[in-house]
C-alpha atoms as a PDB file:
ATOM      1  CA  UNK A   1      12.861  -2.184   9.044  1.00  0.00           C
ATOM      2  CA  UNK A   2      13.298  -4.102  12.097  1.00  0.00           C
ATOM      3  CA  UNK A   3      11.079  -3.597  14.936  1.00  0.00           C
ATOM      4  CA  UNK A   4      12.192  -4.354  18.381  1.00  0.00           C
ATOM      5  CA  UNK A   5      10.560  -7.129  20.391  1.00  0.00           C
ATOM      6  CA  UNK A   6      11.216  -7.516  24.015  1.00  0.00           C
ATOM      7  CA  UNK A   7       9.104 -10.470  25.179  1.00  0.00           C
ATOM      8  CA  UNK A   8       7.867 -13.736  23.736  1.00  0.00           C
ATOM      9  CA  UNK A   9       4.210 -13.944  22.501  1.00  0.00           C
ATOM     10  CA  UNK A  10       4.128 -17.417  23.359  1.00  0.00           C
ATOM     11  CA  UNK A  11       5.557 -17.500  27.059  1.00  0.00           C
ATOM     12  CA  UNK A  12       6.247 -14.063  27.831  1.00  0.00           C
ATOM     13  CA  UNK A  13      10.064 -14.388  28.571  1.00  0.00           C
ATOM     14  CA  UNK A  14      12.556 -12.157  26.944  1.00  0.00           C
ATOM     15  CA  UNK A  15      13.924 -12.441  23.353  1.00  0.00           C
ATOM     16  CA  UNK A  16      17.159 -11.631  21.881  1.00  0.00           C
ATOM     17  CA  UNK A  17      18.383 -11.112  18.311  1.00  0.00           C
ATOM     18  CA  UNK A  18      20.092 -13.935  16.665  1.00  0.00           C
ATOM     19  CA  UNK A  19      20.306 -16.323  13.456  1.00  0.00           C
ATOM     20  CA  UNK A  20      18.216 -19.588  14.328  1.00  0.00           C
ATOM     21  CA  UNK A  21      20.102 -22.776  13.078  1.00  0.00           C
ATOM     22  CA  UNK A  22      19.398 -23.693   9.669  1.00  0.00           C
ATOM     23  CA  UNK A  23      18.467 -19.669   8.828  1.00  0.00           C
ATOM     24  CA  UNK A  24      20.155 -17.295   6.931  1.00  0.00           C
ATOM     25  CA  UNK A  25      18.943 -14.012   8.827  1.00  0.00           C
ATOM     26  CA  UNK A  26      18.833 -12.602  12.312  1.00  0.00           C
ATOM     27  CA  UNK A  27      15.369 -12.854  14.119  1.00  0.00           C
ATOM     28  CA  UNK A  28      13.972 -12.363  17.452  1.00  0.00           C
ATOM     29  CA  UNK A  29      14.301 -15.765  19.359  1.00  0.00           C
ATOM     30  CA  UNK A  30      12.698 -16.532  22.649  1.00  0.00           C
ATOM     31  CA  UNK A  31      15.613 -17.358  25.084  1.00  0.00           C
ATOM     32  CA  UNK A  32      13.486 -19.787  26.855  1.00  0.00           C
ATOM     33  CA  UNK A  33      11.015 -21.541  24.572  1.00  0.00           C
ATOM     34  CA  UNK A  34      12.925 -20.787  21.266  1.00  0.00           C
ATOM     35  CA  UNK A  35       9.897 -19.396  19.551  1.00  0.00           C
ATOM     36  CA  UNK A  36      11.337 -17.435  16.322  1.00  0.00           C
ATOM     37  CA  UNK A  37       9.567 -14.468  15.701  1.00  0.00           C
ATOM     38  CA  UNK A  38       9.441 -13.551  12.204  1.00  0.00           C
ATOM     39  CA  UNK A  39       9.000  -9.982  10.867  1.00  0.00           C
ATOM     40  CA  UNK A  40       7.804  -9.856   7.122  1.00  0.00           C
ATOM     41  CA  UNK A  41       6.887  -6.623   5.031  1.00  0.00           C
ATOM     42  CA  UNK A  42       3.207  -5.504   5.404  1.00  0.00           C
ATOM     43  CA  UNK A  43       1.148  -5.450   2.209  1.00  0.00           C
ATOM     44  CA  UNK A  44      -0.535  -2.316   1.241  1.00  0.00           C
ATOM     45  CA  UNK A  45      -3.145  -2.576  -1.518  1.00  0.00           C
ATOM     46  CA  UNK A  46      -4.822  -0.029  -3.633  1.00  0.00           C
ATOM     47  CA  UNK A  47      -6.024   0.796  -7.261  1.00  0.00           C
ATOM     48  CA  UNK A  48      -6.099   3.499  -9.829  1.00  0.00           C
ATOM     49  CA  UNK A  49      -9.967   4.064 -10.319  1.00  0.00           C
ATOM     50  CA  UNK A  50     -10.942   5.524 -13.808  1.00  0.00           C
ATOM     51  CA  UNK A  51     -14.363   6.548 -15.357  1.00  0.00           C
ATOM     52  CA  UNK A  52     -14.347   8.204 -18.911  1.00  0.00           C
ATOM     53  CA  UNK A  53     -10.603   8.636 -18.899  1.00  0.00           C
ATOM     54  CA  UNK A  54     -10.590  10.532 -15.576  1.00  0.00           C
ATOM     55  CA  UNK A  55      -8.701   9.166 -12.286  1.00  0.00           C
ATOM     56  CA  UNK A  56     -10.400   9.175  -8.644  1.00  0.00           C
ATOM     57  CA  UNK A  57      -7.960  10.821  -6.075  1.00  0.00           C
ATOM     58  CA  UNK A  58      -8.381  11.071  -2.441  1.00  0.00           C
ATOM     59  CA  UNK A  59      -7.326  14.033  -0.318  1.00  0.00           C
ATOM     60  CA  UNK A  60      -6.333  12.606   2.937  1.00  0.00           C
ATOM     61  CA  UNK A  61      -8.091  13.702   6.314  1.00  0.00           C
ATOM     62  CA  UNK A  62      -5.403  11.566   8.067  1.00  0.00           C
ATOM     63  CA  UNK A  63      -1.560  11.587   8.812  1.00  0.00           C
ATOM     64  CA  UNK A  64       0.618  10.870   7.351  1.00  0.00           C
ATOM     65  CA  UNK A  65       0.505  13.374   4.521  1.00  0.00           C
ATOM     66  CA  UNK A  66      -2.558  15.077   5.647  1.00  0.00           C
ATOM     67  CA  UNK A  67      -4.023  17.236   2.900  1.00  0.00           C
ATOM     68  CA  UNK A  68      -2.410  15.656   0.141  1.00  0.00           C
ATOM     69  CA  UNK A  69      -3.932  13.395  -2.909  1.00  0.00           C
ATOM     70  CA  UNK A  70      -3.635   9.806  -3.084  1.00  0.00           C
ATOM     71  CA  UNK A  71      -4.852   6.980  -5.086  1.00  0.00           C
ATOM     72  CA  UNK A  72      -7.340   5.008  -2.541  1.00  0.00           C
ATOM     73  CA  UNK A  73      -5.060   2.413  -0.856  1.00  0.00           C
ATOM     74  CA  UNK A  74      -4.358   0.645   2.674  1.00  0.00           C
ATOM     75  CA  UNK A  75      -3.245  -2.083   4.633  1.00  0.00           C
ATOM     76  CA  UNK A  76      -4.437  -5.533   3.513  1.00  0.00           C
ATOM     77  CA  UNK A  77      -6.480  -7.170   6.459  1.00  0.00           C
ATOM     78  CA  UNK A  78      -5.818 -10.716   7.307  1.00  0.00           C
ATOM     79  CA  UNK A  79      -8.323 -13.076   5.658  1.00  0.00           C
ATOM     80  CA  UNK A  80      -8.947 -10.756   2.829  1.00  0.00           C
ATOM     81  CA  UNK A  81      -7.513 -11.083  -0.685  1.00  0.00           C
ATOM     82  CA  UNK A  82      -5.591  -8.399  -2.450  1.00  0.00           C
ATOM     83  CA  UNK A  83      -8.087  -7.787  -4.932  1.00  0.00           C
ATOM     84  CA  UNK A  84     -10.854  -7.533  -2.067  1.00  0.00           C
ATOM     85  CA  UNK A  85      -8.430  -5.090  -0.080  1.00  0.00           C
ATOM     86  CA  UNK A  86      -8.151  -2.834  -2.798  1.00  0.00           C
ATOM     87  CA  UNK A  87     -12.065  -2.435  -3.435  1.00  0.00           C
ATOM     88  CA  UNK A  88     -12.525  -2.219   0.245  1.00  0.00           C
ATOM     89  CA  UNK A  89     -10.017   0.776   0.567  1.00  0.00           C
ATOM     90  CA  UNK A  90     -11.965   2.435  -2.308  1.00  0.00           C
ATOM     91  CA  UNK A  91     -15.071   2.181  -0.303  1.00  0.00           C
ATOM     92  CA  UNK A  92     -13.602   3.204   3.021  1.00  0.00           C
ATOM     93  CA  UNK A  93     -11.709   6.458   1.384  1.00  0.00           C
ATOM     94  CA  UNK A  94     -14.196   7.400  -1.330  1.00  0.00           C
ATOM     95  CA  UNK A  95     -17.548   5.632  -0.818  1.00  0.00           C
ATOM     96  CA  UNK A  96     -17.164   4.154  -4.379  1.00  0.00           C
ATOM     97  CA  UNK A  97     -17.738   0.947  -5.749  1.00  0.00           C
ATOM     98  CA  UNK A  98     -14.936  -0.341  -8.433  1.00  0.00           C
ATOM     99  CA  UNK A  99     -14.580  -3.228 -10.757  1.00  0.00           C
ATOM    100  CA  UNK A 100     -10.865  -4.180  -9.772  1.00  0.00           C
ATOM    101  CA  UNK A 101      -8.942  -4.963 -13.311  1.00  0.00           C
ATOM    102  CA  UNK A 102      -5.311  -6.394 -13.220  1.00  0.00           C
ATOM    103  CA  UNK A 103      -2.390  -5.804 -11.030  1.00  0.00           C
ATOM    104  CA  UNK A 104       0.028  -3.277 -12.857  1.00  0.00           C
ATOM    105  CA  UNK A 105       2.311  -2.126 -10.248  1.00  0.00           C
ATOM    106  CA  UNK A 106       4.609  -3.176  -7.321  1.00  0.00           C
ATOM    107  CA  UNK A 107       6.669  -0.955  -5.337  1.00  0.00           C
ATOM    108  CA  UNK A 108       8.848  -2.503  -2.370  1.00  0.00           C
ATOM    109  CA  UNK A 109       8.990   0.166   0.049  1.00  0.00           C
ATOM    110  CA  UNK A 110      11.920  -1.386   2.013  1.00  0.00           C
ATOM    111  CA  UNK A 111      12.731   1.107   4.578  1.00  0.00           C
ATOM    112  CA  UNK A 112       9.094   0.937   5.854  1.00  0.00           C
ATOM    113  CA  UNK A 113       8.712  -2.896   5.678  1.00  0.00           C
ATOM    114  CA  UNK A 114       5.981  -2.421   3.046  1.00  0.00           C
ATOM    115  CA  UNK A 115       5.001  -3.667  -0.258  1.00  0.00           C
ATOM    116  CA  UNK A 116       2.599  -1.846  -2.314  1.00  0.00           C
ATOM    117  CA  UNK A 117       0.236  -3.571  -4.899  1.00  0.00           C
ATOM    118  CA  UNK A 118      -1.670  -1.396  -7.513  1.00  0.00           C
ATOM    119  CA  UNK A 119      -4.562  -2.543  -9.677  1.00  0.00           C
ATOM    120  CA  UNK A 120      -6.500  -0.989 -12.527  1.00  0.00           C
ATOM    121  CA  UNK A 121     -10.022  -0.306 -11.651  1.00  0.00           C
ATOM    122  CA  UNK A 122     -13.215   1.021 -13.335  1.00  0.00           C
ATOM    123  CA  UNK A 123     -15.189   3.539 -11.259  1.00  0.00           C
ATOM    124  CA  UNK A 124     -18.900   1.826 -11.390  1.00  0.00           C
ATOM    125  CA  UNK A 125     -20.772   4.142  -8.826  1.00  0.00           C
ATOM    126  CA  UNK A 126     -21.047   7.549  -7.345  1.00  0.00           C
ATOM    127  CA  UNK A 127     -18.489   8.619  -4.888  1.00  0.00           C
ATOM    128  CA  UNK A 128     -18.112  11.028  -1.834  1.00  0.00           C
ATOM    129  CA  UNK A 129     -15.226  11.464   0.708  1.00  0.00           C
ATOM    130  CA  UNK A 130     -15.071   8.687   3.397  1.00  0.00           C
ATOM    131  CA  UNK A 131     -13.851   8.826   6.834  1.00  0.00           C
ATOM    132  CA  UNK A 132     -10.204   9.205   5.896  1.00  0.00           C
ATOM    133  CA  UNK A 133     -10.644  11.640   3.163  1.00  0.00           C
ATOM    134  CA  UNK A 134     -11.284  15.474   3.269  1.00  0.00           C
ATOM    135  CA  UNK A 135     -12.266  15.517  -0.717  1.00  0.00           C
ATOM    136  CA  UNK A 136     -12.561  12.929  -3.619  1.00  0.00           C
ATOM    137  CA  UNK A 137     -12.344  14.113  -7.223  1.00  0.00           C
ATOM    138  CA  UNK A 138     -12.031  13.158 -10.791  1.00  0.00           C
ATOM    139  CA  UNK A 139      -8.916  14.196 -12.830  1.00  0.00           C
ATOM    140  CA  UNK A 140      -7.863  14.402 -16.180  1.00  0.00           C
ATOM    141  CA  UNK A 141      -4.060  13.321 -16.533  1.00  0.00           C
ATOM    142  CA  UNK A 142      -2.961  16.993 -17.044  1.00  0.00           C
ATOM    143  CA  UNK A 143      -4.973  18.237 -13.865  1.00  0.00           C
ATOM    144  CA  UNK A 144      -3.510  15.773 -11.225  1.00  0.00           C
ATOM    145  CA  UNK A 145      -1.771  17.549  -8.568  1.00  0.00           C
ATOM    146  CA  UNK A 146       1.351  15.858  -9.083  1.00  0.00           C
ATOM    147  CA  UNK A 147       3.441  17.866  -6.455  1.00  0.00           C
ATOM    148  CA  UNK A 148       0.621  17.223  -3.951  1.00  0.00           C
ATOM    149  CA  UNK A 149       0.777  13.412  -4.120  1.00  0.00           C
ATOM    150  CA  UNK A 150       0.981  11.921  -0.900  1.00  0.00           C
ATOM    151  CA  UNK A 151       3.431   9.009  -1.659  1.00  0.00           C
ATOM    152  CA  UNK A 152       6.056   8.276  -3.974  1.00  0.00           C
ATOM    153  CA  UNK A 153       4.328   4.874  -4.750  1.00  0.00           C
ATOM    154  CA  UNK A 154       1.200   6.367  -5.581  1.00  0.00           C
ATOM    155  CA  UNK A 155       2.958   8.875  -7.864  1.00  0.00           C
ATOM    156  CA  UNK A 156       4.792   5.802  -9.451  1.00  0.00           C
ATOM    157  CA  UNK A 157       1.467   4.039  -9.665  1.00  0.00           C
ATOM    158  CA  UNK A 158      -0.099   6.870 -11.469  1.00  0.00           C
ATOM    159  CA  UNK A 159       2.726   7.463 -13.957  1.00  0.00           C
ATOM    160  CA  UNK A 160       2.672   3.780 -15.020  1.00  0.00           C
ATOM    161  CA  UNK A 161      -0.863   3.839 -15.393  1.00  0.00           C
ATOM    162  CA  UNK A 162      -0.825   6.551 -17.798  1.00  0.00           C
ATOM    163  CA  UNK A 163       1.826   5.101 -19.524  1.00  0.00           C
ATOM    164  CA  UNK A 164       0.057   2.028 -20.107  1.00  0.00           C
ATOM    165  CA  UNK A 165      -3.029   3.754 -20.947  1.00  0.00           C
ATOM    166  CA  UNK A 166      -5.356   1.102 -19.834  1.00  0.00           C
ATOM    167  CA  UNK A 167      -3.401  -1.831 -21.500  1.00  0.00           C
ATOM    168  CA  UNK A 168      -2.142  -4.646 -19.627  1.00  0.00           C
ATOM    169  CA  UNK A 169       1.505  -4.388 -20.295  1.00  0.00           C
ATOM    170  CA  UNK A 170       2.627  -6.557 -17.475  1.00  0.00           C
ATOM    171  CA  UNK A 171       3.600  -5.411 -13.994  1.00  0.00           C
ATOM    172  CA  UNK A 172       5.916  -2.614 -13.243  1.00  0.00           C
ATOM    173  CA  UNK A 173       8.304  -3.190 -10.172  1.00  0.00           C
ATOM    174  CA  UNK A 174       9.961  -0.259  -8.414  1.00  0.00           C
ATOM    175  CA  UNK A 175      12.182  -0.449  -5.074  1.00  0.00           C
ATOM    176  CA  UNK A 176      12.303   2.615  -2.781  1.00  0.00           C
ATOM    177  CA  UNK A 177      15.207   2.768  -0.253  1.00  0.00           C
ATOM    178  CA  UNK A 178      16.378   5.830   1.519  1.00  0.00           C
ATOM    179  CA  UNK A 179      19.339   7.560   0.105  1.00  0.00           C
ATOM    180  CA  UNK A 180      22.481   6.651   2.322  1.00  0.00           C
ATOM    181  CA  UNK A 181      24.066   9.808   3.875  1.00  0.00           C
END
């Protein structure tokens, strides 16, 4: 996903798309001062909170995918570790505290310019809907509303979580691209 940039953030002059000397990719480059404007994937972090074999899911109160279920996840903030971000998102979406475990799933969402990182987590507090959630609930594996899961990456993370059954079987990596028509 390439976002169009019209003006340089350094000097305000126009930019154009070209491959800078010594580079391998086209970039937005300032026509006046030469500043290269890099665009890199945006990290999304989340976790699969578990207590007594049940998984905490949040029903989205925001777009995209309003009304669908998801694991607690969202954009990583500057100055924050991925582990801290996964914990923060759980507090924001489910008013819940978790102990973050190990990284177990990575999903490259290429067309959205994102990379999603999912951690195991132990739910260690009560929970309630946060500002971004209509509802939060604990689900047994056979109760999960699979057809109502908001995002493919979250569905992938849940499936890998249940395949691993809490064991550290390494990191599962998945790549998502839109089908070419």
